[in-house]
Amino acid sequence: MLILTVLKSSVDSGLSLEKLYLLIEQAKSIVVKSSTPDRMSLWRAYVALEYSILDLKLRHGLEGASQPRTVKSADLADAKSIISQLDLSLGDKKKLLDDLRSARDILKALLASKLR
């Protein structure tokens, strides 16, 4: 709840889509541009994607948007593929939200498999 409150206040203060772009680029640089990211780096990418999802939901009122189905297992190639396709220029915020959620879910499954 605290994260939502902090994020809501930063949205109200006029943060632009630049913050969202920076978060997505951070996740891309960790996952896509690194040959074998370690678990801590994957967590950083996961947090960047989670924060960008919250930012997008609050900024554009997409609270009730449907969630994609959960991912049971994933590998690094899946994560790289999905994250490299994230694009802010499409203009469809609901599709971007679904894509961000898919990327987050794949990273979550990848992190879960690394814990085993």
N, C-alpha and C. Protein backbone atom coordinates (compact mmCIF):
# COMPACT_ATOMS: atom_id res chain seq x y z
N MET A 1 0.83 -1.19 0.00
CA MET A 1 0.00 0.00 0.00
C MET A 1 0.87 1.26 0.00
N LEU A 2 1.99 1.20 0.71
CA LEU A 2 2.89 2.34 0.76
C LEU A 2 3.46 2.65 -0.63
N ILE A 3 3.81 1.60 -1.37
CA ILE A 3 4.35 1.80 -2.73
C ILE A 3 3.32 2.51 -3.59
N LEU A 4 2.05 2.09 -3.50
CA LEU A 4 1.01 2.73 -4.28
C LEU A 4 0.84 4.19 -3.90
N THR A 5 0.93 4.50 -2.61
CA THR A 5 0.79 5.88 -2.16
C THR A 5 1.93 6.74 -2.69
N VAL A 6 3.15 6.23 -2.59
CA VAL A 6 4.31 6.98 -3.10
C VAL A 6 4.21 7.15 -4.59
N LEU A 7 3.84 6.09 -5.29
CA LEU A 7 3.72 6.16 -6.74
C LEU A 7 2.60 7.11 -7.15
N LYS A 8 1.48 7.08 -6.45
CA LYS A 8 0.37 7.97 -6.75
C LYS A 8 0.79 9.42 -6.57
N SER A 9 1.55 9.72 -5.54
CA SER A 9 1.99 11.10 -5.33
C SER A 9 2.96 11.53 -6.41
N SER A 10 3.80 10.63 -6.91
CA SER A 10 4.72 11.02 -7.97
C SER A 10 3.99 11.18 -9.29
N VAL A 11 2.91 10.43 -9.50
CA VAL A 11 2.11 10.61 -10.71
C VAL A 11 1.41 11.95 -10.65
N ASP A 12 0.86 12.29 -9.48
CA ASP A 12 0.17 13.55 -9.33
C ASP A 12 1.10 14.74 -9.50
N SER A 13 2.37 14.56 -9.21
CA SER A 13 3.30 15.67 -9.32
C SER A 13 3.77 15.90 -10.75
N GLY A 14 3.25 15.15 -11.69
CA GLY A 14 3.52 15.44 -13.08
C GLY A 14 4.65 14.66 -13.72
N LEU A 15 4.99 13.49 -13.21
CA LEU A 15 6.01 12.68 -13.88
C LEU A 15 5.52 12.34 -15.29
N SER A 16 6.40 12.44 -16.24
CA SER A 16 6.02 12.15 -17.62
C SER A 16 6.26 10.68 -17.94
N LEU A 17 5.99 10.31 -19.16
CA LEU A 17 6.25 8.95 -19.61
C LEU A 17 7.74 8.66 -19.68
N GLU A 18 8.54 9.67 -19.46
CA GLU A 18 9.99 9.48 -19.47
C GLU A 18 10.42 8.50 -18.38
N LYS A 19 9.79 8.57 -17.22
CA LYS A 19 10.10 7.65 -16.13
C LYS A 19 9.78 6.21 -16.53
N LEU A 20 8.63 6.03 -17.18
CA LEU A 20 8.24 4.71 -17.65
C LEU A 20 9.24 4.19 -18.67
N TYR A 21 9.66 5.05 -19.58
CA TYR A 21 10.66 4.68 -20.58
C TYR A 21 11.97 4.26 -19.91
N LEU A 22 12.41 5.03 -18.92
CA LEU A 22 13.66 4.71 -18.22
C LEU A 22 13.58 3.37 -17.50
N LEU A 23 12.43 3.08 -16.89
CA LEU A 23 12.27 1.80 -16.20
C LEU A 23 12.32 0.63 -17.17
N ILE A 24 11.65 0.78 -18.30
CA ILE A 24 11.65 -0.29 -19.30
C ILE A 24 13.04 -0.47 -19.88
N GLU A 25 13.73 0.63 -20.14
CA GLU A 25 15.10 0.53 -20.66
C GLU A 25 16.04 -0.11 -19.64
N GLN A 26 15.80 0.15 -18.36
CA GLN A 26 16.61 -0.47 -17.32
C GLN A 26 16.43 -1.99 -17.36
N ALA A 27 15.19 -2.44 -17.46
CA ALA A 27 14.93 -3.88 -17.54
C ALA A 27 15.54 -4.48 -18.80
N LYS A 28 15.42 -3.76 -19.92
CA LYS A 28 16.02 -4.25 -21.18
C LYS A 28 17.53 -4.36 -21.06
N SER A 29 18.16 -3.36 -20.47
CA SER A 29 19.62 -3.39 -20.38
C SER A 29 20.10 -4.54 -19.50
N ILE A 30 19.34 -4.89 -18.49
CA ILE A 30 19.72 -5.98 -17.60
C ILE A 30 19.53 -7.33 -18.28
N VAL A 31 18.37 -7.53 -18.88
CA VAL A 31 18.02 -8.86 -19.40
C VAL A 31 18.51 -9.08 -20.82
N VAL A 32 18.25 -8.13 -21.70
CA VAL A 32 18.54 -8.34 -23.12
C VAL A 32 20.01 -8.15 -23.44
N LYS A 33 20.61 -7.12 -22.91
CA LYS A 33 21.98 -6.79 -23.29
C LYS A 33 23.04 -7.57 -22.53
N SER A 34 22.65 -8.23 -21.46
CA SER A 34 23.59 -9.04 -20.69
C SER A 34 23.51 -10.49 -21.16
N SER A 35 24.66 -11.12 -21.33
CA SER A 35 24.65 -12.50 -21.83
C SER A 35 24.07 -13.46 -20.79
N THR A 36 24.48 -13.35 -19.55
CA THR A 36 23.93 -14.19 -18.48
C THR A 36 23.77 -13.37 -17.21
N PRO A 37 22.63 -12.71 -17.05
CA PRO A 37 22.43 -11.90 -15.84
C PRO A 37 22.31 -12.79 -14.60
N ASP A 38 22.88 -12.31 -13.50
CA ASP A 38 22.77 -13.08 -12.25
C ASP A 38 21.40 -12.85 -11.61
N ARG A 39 21.13 -13.59 -10.55
CA ARG A 39 19.82 -13.53 -9.91
C ARG A 39 19.48 -12.13 -9.39
N MET A 40 20.47 -11.44 -8.83
CA MET A 40 20.23 -10.09 -8.30
C MET A 40 19.87 -9.12 -9.43
N SER A 41 20.52 -9.25 -10.56
CA SER A 41 20.20 -8.39 -11.71
C SER A 41 18.79 -8.68 -12.22
N LEU A 42 18.42 -9.95 -12.24
CA LEU A 42 17.05 -10.30 -12.66
C LEU A 42 16.02 -9.72 -11.70
N TRP A 43 16.34 -9.70 -10.41
CA TRP A 43 15.44 -9.08 -9.45
C TRP A 43 15.29 -7.58 -9.73
N ARG A 44 16.40 -6.93 -10.08
CA ARG A 44 16.33 -5.49 -10.40
C ARG A 44 15.44 -5.26 -11.62
N ALA A 45 15.56 -6.12 -12.62
CA ALA A 45 14.73 -6.00 -13.81
C ALA A 45 13.26 -6.25 -13.46
N TYR A 46 13.01 -7.23 -12.61
CA TYR A 46 11.65 -7.53 -12.16
C TYR A 46 11.04 -6.33 -11.45
N VAL A 47 11.79 -5.72 -10.55
CA VAL A 47 11.29 -4.56 -9.81
C VAL A 47 11.03 -3.39 -10.75
N ALA A 48 11.90 -3.18 -11.73
CA ALA A 48 11.69 -2.10 -12.70
C ALA A 48 10.40 -2.33 -13.49
N LEU A 49 10.15 -3.57 -13.89
CA LEU A 49 8.92 -3.86 -14.63
C LEU A 49 7.70 -3.71 -13.73
N GLU A 50 7.79 -4.17 -12.50
CA GLU A 50 6.66 -4.05 -11.57
C GLU A 50 6.34 -2.58 -11.32
N TYR A 51 7.36 -1.76 -11.13
CA TYR A 51 7.16 -0.33 -10.91
C TYR A 51 6.54 0.32 -12.14
N SER A 52 6.99 -0.08 -13.33
CA SER A 52 6.42 0.50 -14.56
C SER A 52 4.96 0.09 -14.74
N ILE A 53 4.61 -1.12 -14.31
CA ILE A 53 3.20 -1.55 -14.37
C ILE A 53 2.35 -0.68 -13.45
N LEU A 54 2.82 -0.47 -12.23
CA LEU A 54 2.08 0.37 -11.29
C LEU A 54 1.96 1.80 -11.80
N ASP A 55 3.03 2.32 -12.34
CA ASP A 55 3.02 3.68 -12.88
C ASP A 55 2.01 3.82 -14.01
N LEU A 56 2.03 2.88 -14.92
CA LEU A 56 1.11 2.92 -16.07
C LEU A 56 -0.34 2.78 -15.62
N LYS A 57 -0.59 1.87 -14.68
CA LYS A 57 -1.95 1.67 -14.19
C LYS A 57 -2.50 2.94 -13.53
N LEU A 58 -1.69 3.56 -12.70
CA LEU A 58 -2.16 4.74 -11.99
C LEU A 58 -2.25 5.97 -12.90
N ARG A 59 -1.31 6.12 -13.80
CA ARG A 59 -1.28 7.28 -14.68
C ARG A 59 -2.46 7.29 -15.66
N HIS A 60 -2.85 6.11 -16.13
CA HIS A 60 -3.88 6.03 -17.18
C HIS A 60 -5.17 5.36 -16.71
N GLY A 61 -5.30 5.13 -15.42
CA GLY A 61 -6.54 4.57 -14.89
C GLY A 61 -6.86 3.19 -15.45
N LEU A 62 -5.87 2.35 -15.55
CA LEU A 62 -6.07 1.02 -16.12
C LEU A 62 -6.23 -0.04 -15.03
N GLU A 63 -6.81 0.33 -13.92
CA GLU A 63 -6.93 -0.56 -12.78
C GLU A 63 -7.69 -1.85 -13.11
N GLY A 64 -8.76 -1.75 -13.90
CA GLY A 64 -9.60 -2.91 -14.16
C GLY A 64 -9.19 -3.72 -15.37
N ALA A 65 -8.06 -3.43 -15.97
CA ALA A 65 -7.64 -4.16 -17.17
C ALA A 65 -7.36 -5.62 -16.83
N SER A 66 -7.64 -6.50 -17.78
CA SER A 66 -7.47 -7.92 -17.55
C SER A 66 -6.00 -8.29 -17.48
N GLN A 67 -5.70 -9.33 -16.71
CA GLN A 67 -4.34 -9.80 -16.57
C GLN A 67 -4.10 -10.99 -17.48
N PRO A 68 -2.92 -11.08 -18.08
CA PRO A 68 -2.60 -12.26 -18.87
C PRO A 68 -2.47 -13.50 -17.97
N ARG A 69 -2.54 -14.66 -18.58
CA ARG A 69 -2.45 -15.89 -17.78
C ARG A 69 -1.03 -16.05 -17.23
N THR A 70 -0.93 -16.81 -16.17
CA THR A 70 0.36 -16.97 -15.52
C THR A 70 1.26 -17.93 -16.29
N VAL A 71 2.55 -17.74 -16.10
CA VAL A 71 3.57 -18.55 -16.77
C VAL A 71 4.09 -19.58 -15.77
N LYS A 72 4.12 -20.84 -16.18
CA LYS A 72 4.61 -21.89 -15.29
C LYS A 72 6.13 -21.99 -15.28
N SER A 73 6.74 -21.90 -16.45
CA SER A 73 8.19 -21.97 -16.53
C SER A 73 8.68 -21.08 -17.67
N ALA A 74 9.90 -20.65 -17.55
CA ALA A 74 10.47 -19.78 -18.57
C ALA A 74 11.98 -19.93 -18.58
N ASP A 75 12.58 -19.53 -19.66
CA ASP A 75 14.04 -19.50 -19.70
C ASP A 75 14.49 -18.11 -20.10
N LEU A 76 15.77 -17.89 -20.10
CA LEU A 76 16.32 -16.57 -20.39
C LEU A 76 15.99 -16.12 -21.80
N ALA A 77 15.93 -17.04 -22.75
CA ALA A 77 15.60 -16.68 -24.13
C ALA A 77 14.18 -16.13 -24.21
N ASP A 78 13.23 -16.73 -23.47
CA ASP A 78 11.86 -16.22 -23.44
C ASP A 78 11.83 -14.80 -22.88
N ALA A 79 12.54 -14.59 -21.78
CA ALA A 79 12.58 -13.28 -21.15
C ALA A 79 13.17 -12.24 -22.09
N LYS A 80 14.28 -12.60 -22.75
CA LYS A 80 14.91 -11.66 -23.68
C LYS A 80 13.97 -11.31 -24.83
N SER A 81 13.28 -12.30 -25.34
CA SER A 81 12.36 -12.09 -26.46
C SER A 81 11.23 -11.14 -26.10
N ILE A 82 10.57 -11.41 -24.99
CA ILE A 82 9.43 -10.59 -24.56
C ILE A 82 9.88 -9.17 -24.20
N ILE A 83 10.95 -9.04 -23.44
CA ILE A 83 11.38 -7.72 -22.98
C ILE A 83 11.91 -6.88 -24.14
N SER A 84 12.58 -7.50 -25.10
CA SER A 84 13.09 -6.73 -26.23
C SER A 84 11.97 -6.18 -27.10
N GLN A 85 10.78 -6.76 -27.03
CA GLN A 85 9.65 -6.31 -27.83
C GLN A 85 8.83 -5.21 -27.16
N LEU A 86 9.14 -4.85 -25.92
CA LEU A 86 8.40 -3.79 -25.24
C LEU A 86 8.64 -2.47 -25.96
N ASP A 87 7.53 -1.77 -26.26
CA ASP A 87 7.63 -0.54 -27.04
C ASP A 87 6.61 0.47 -26.56
N LEU A 88 7.07 1.63 -26.14
CA LEU A 88 6.18 2.69 -25.68
C LEU A 88 5.54 3.47 -26.81
N SER A 89 6.08 3.38 -28.00
CA SER A 89 5.60 4.22 -29.09
C SER A 89 4.31 3.73 -29.72
N LEU A 90 3.80 2.57 -29.34
CA LEU A 90 2.59 2.03 -29.96
C LEU A 90 1.35 2.84 -29.62
N GLY A 91 1.31 3.44 -28.45
CA GLY A 91 0.17 4.27 -28.08
C GLY A 91 -0.96 3.53 -27.41
N ASP A 92 -1.04 2.22 -27.54
CA ASP A 92 -2.09 1.43 -26.90
C ASP A 92 -1.63 1.06 -25.49
N LYS A 93 -2.13 1.78 -24.51
CA LYS A 93 -1.67 1.60 -23.13
C LYS A 93 -2.10 0.26 -22.55
N LYS A 94 -3.29 -0.23 -22.94
CA LYS A 94 -3.73 -1.53 -22.42
C LYS A 94 -2.85 -2.65 -22.94
N LYS A 95 -2.45 -2.58 -24.22
CA LYS A 95 -1.56 -3.59 -24.78
C LYS A 95 -0.20 -3.51 -24.10
N LEU A 96 0.29 -2.29 -23.89
CA LEU A 96 1.57 -2.12 -23.21
C LEU A 96 1.50 -2.70 -21.79
N LEU A 97 0.40 -2.47 -21.10
CA LEU A 97 0.23 -3.01 -19.76
C LEU A 97 0.26 -4.54 -19.79
N ASP A 98 -0.45 -5.14 -20.74
CA ASP A 98 -0.44 -6.60 -20.87
C ASP A 98 0.96 -7.12 -21.20
N ASP A 99 1.67 -6.41 -22.09
CA ASP A 99 3.04 -6.82 -22.44
C ASP A 99 3.98 -6.72 -21.23
N LEU A 100 3.83 -5.65 -20.46
CA LEU A 100 4.64 -5.49 -19.25
C LEU A 100 4.36 -6.60 -18.26
N ARG A 101 3.08 -6.94 -18.10
CA ARG A 101 2.72 -8.02 -17.19
C ARG A 101 3.28 -9.36 -17.66
N SER A 102 3.24 -9.59 -18.96
CA SER A 102 3.79 -10.84 -19.50
C SER A 102 5.29 -10.92 -19.23
N ALA A 103 5.98 -9.81 -19.47
CA ALA A 103 7.43 -9.78 -19.24
C ALA A 103 7.73 -9.99 -17.76
N ARG A 104 6.96 -9.35 -16.89
CA ARG A 104 7.14 -9.52 -15.45
C ARG A 104 6.90 -10.97 -15.03
N ASP A 105 5.85 -11.58 -15.58
CA ASP A 105 5.52 -12.95 -15.21
C ASP A 105 6.60 -13.93 -15.66
N ILE A 106 7.18 -13.68 -16.82
CA ILE A 106 8.27 -14.55 -17.29
C ILE A 106 9.50 -14.39 -16.40
N LEU A 107 9.81 -13.16 -16.02
CA LEU A 107 10.94 -12.95 -15.11
C LEU A 107 10.67 -13.60 -13.76
N LYS A 108 9.44 -13.53 -13.31
CA LYS A 108 9.07 -14.15 -12.03
C LYS A 108 9.27 -15.66 -12.10
N ALA A 109 8.84 -16.28 -13.19
CA ALA A 109 9.03 -17.72 -13.36
C ALA A 109 10.51 -18.07 -13.48
N LEU A 110 11.26 -17.23 -14.17
CA LEU A 110 12.70 -17.46 -14.29
C LEU A 110 13.39 -17.37 -12.94
N LEU A 111 13.02 -16.38 -12.15
CA LEU A 111 13.59 -16.26 -10.81
C LEU A 111 13.20 -17.44 -9.92
N ALA A 112 11.96 -17.89 -10.04
CA ALA A 112 11.53 -19.05 -9.26
C ALA A 112 12.31 -20.30 -9.63
N SER A 113 12.62 -20.45 -10.91
CA SER A 113 13.38 -21.63 -11.34
C SER A 113 14.84 -21.54 -10.87
N LYS A 114 15.36 -20.34 -10.71
CA LYS A 114 16.74 -20.18 -10.23
C LYS A 114 16.86 -20.44 -8.72
N LEU A 115 15.73 -20.36 -8.02
CA LEU A 115 15.74 -20.62 -6.58
C LEU A 115 15.74 -22.11 -6.28
N ARG A 116 15.38 -22.92 -7.24
CA ARG A 116 15.32 -24.38 -7.01
C ARG A 116 16.67 -25.01 -7.08
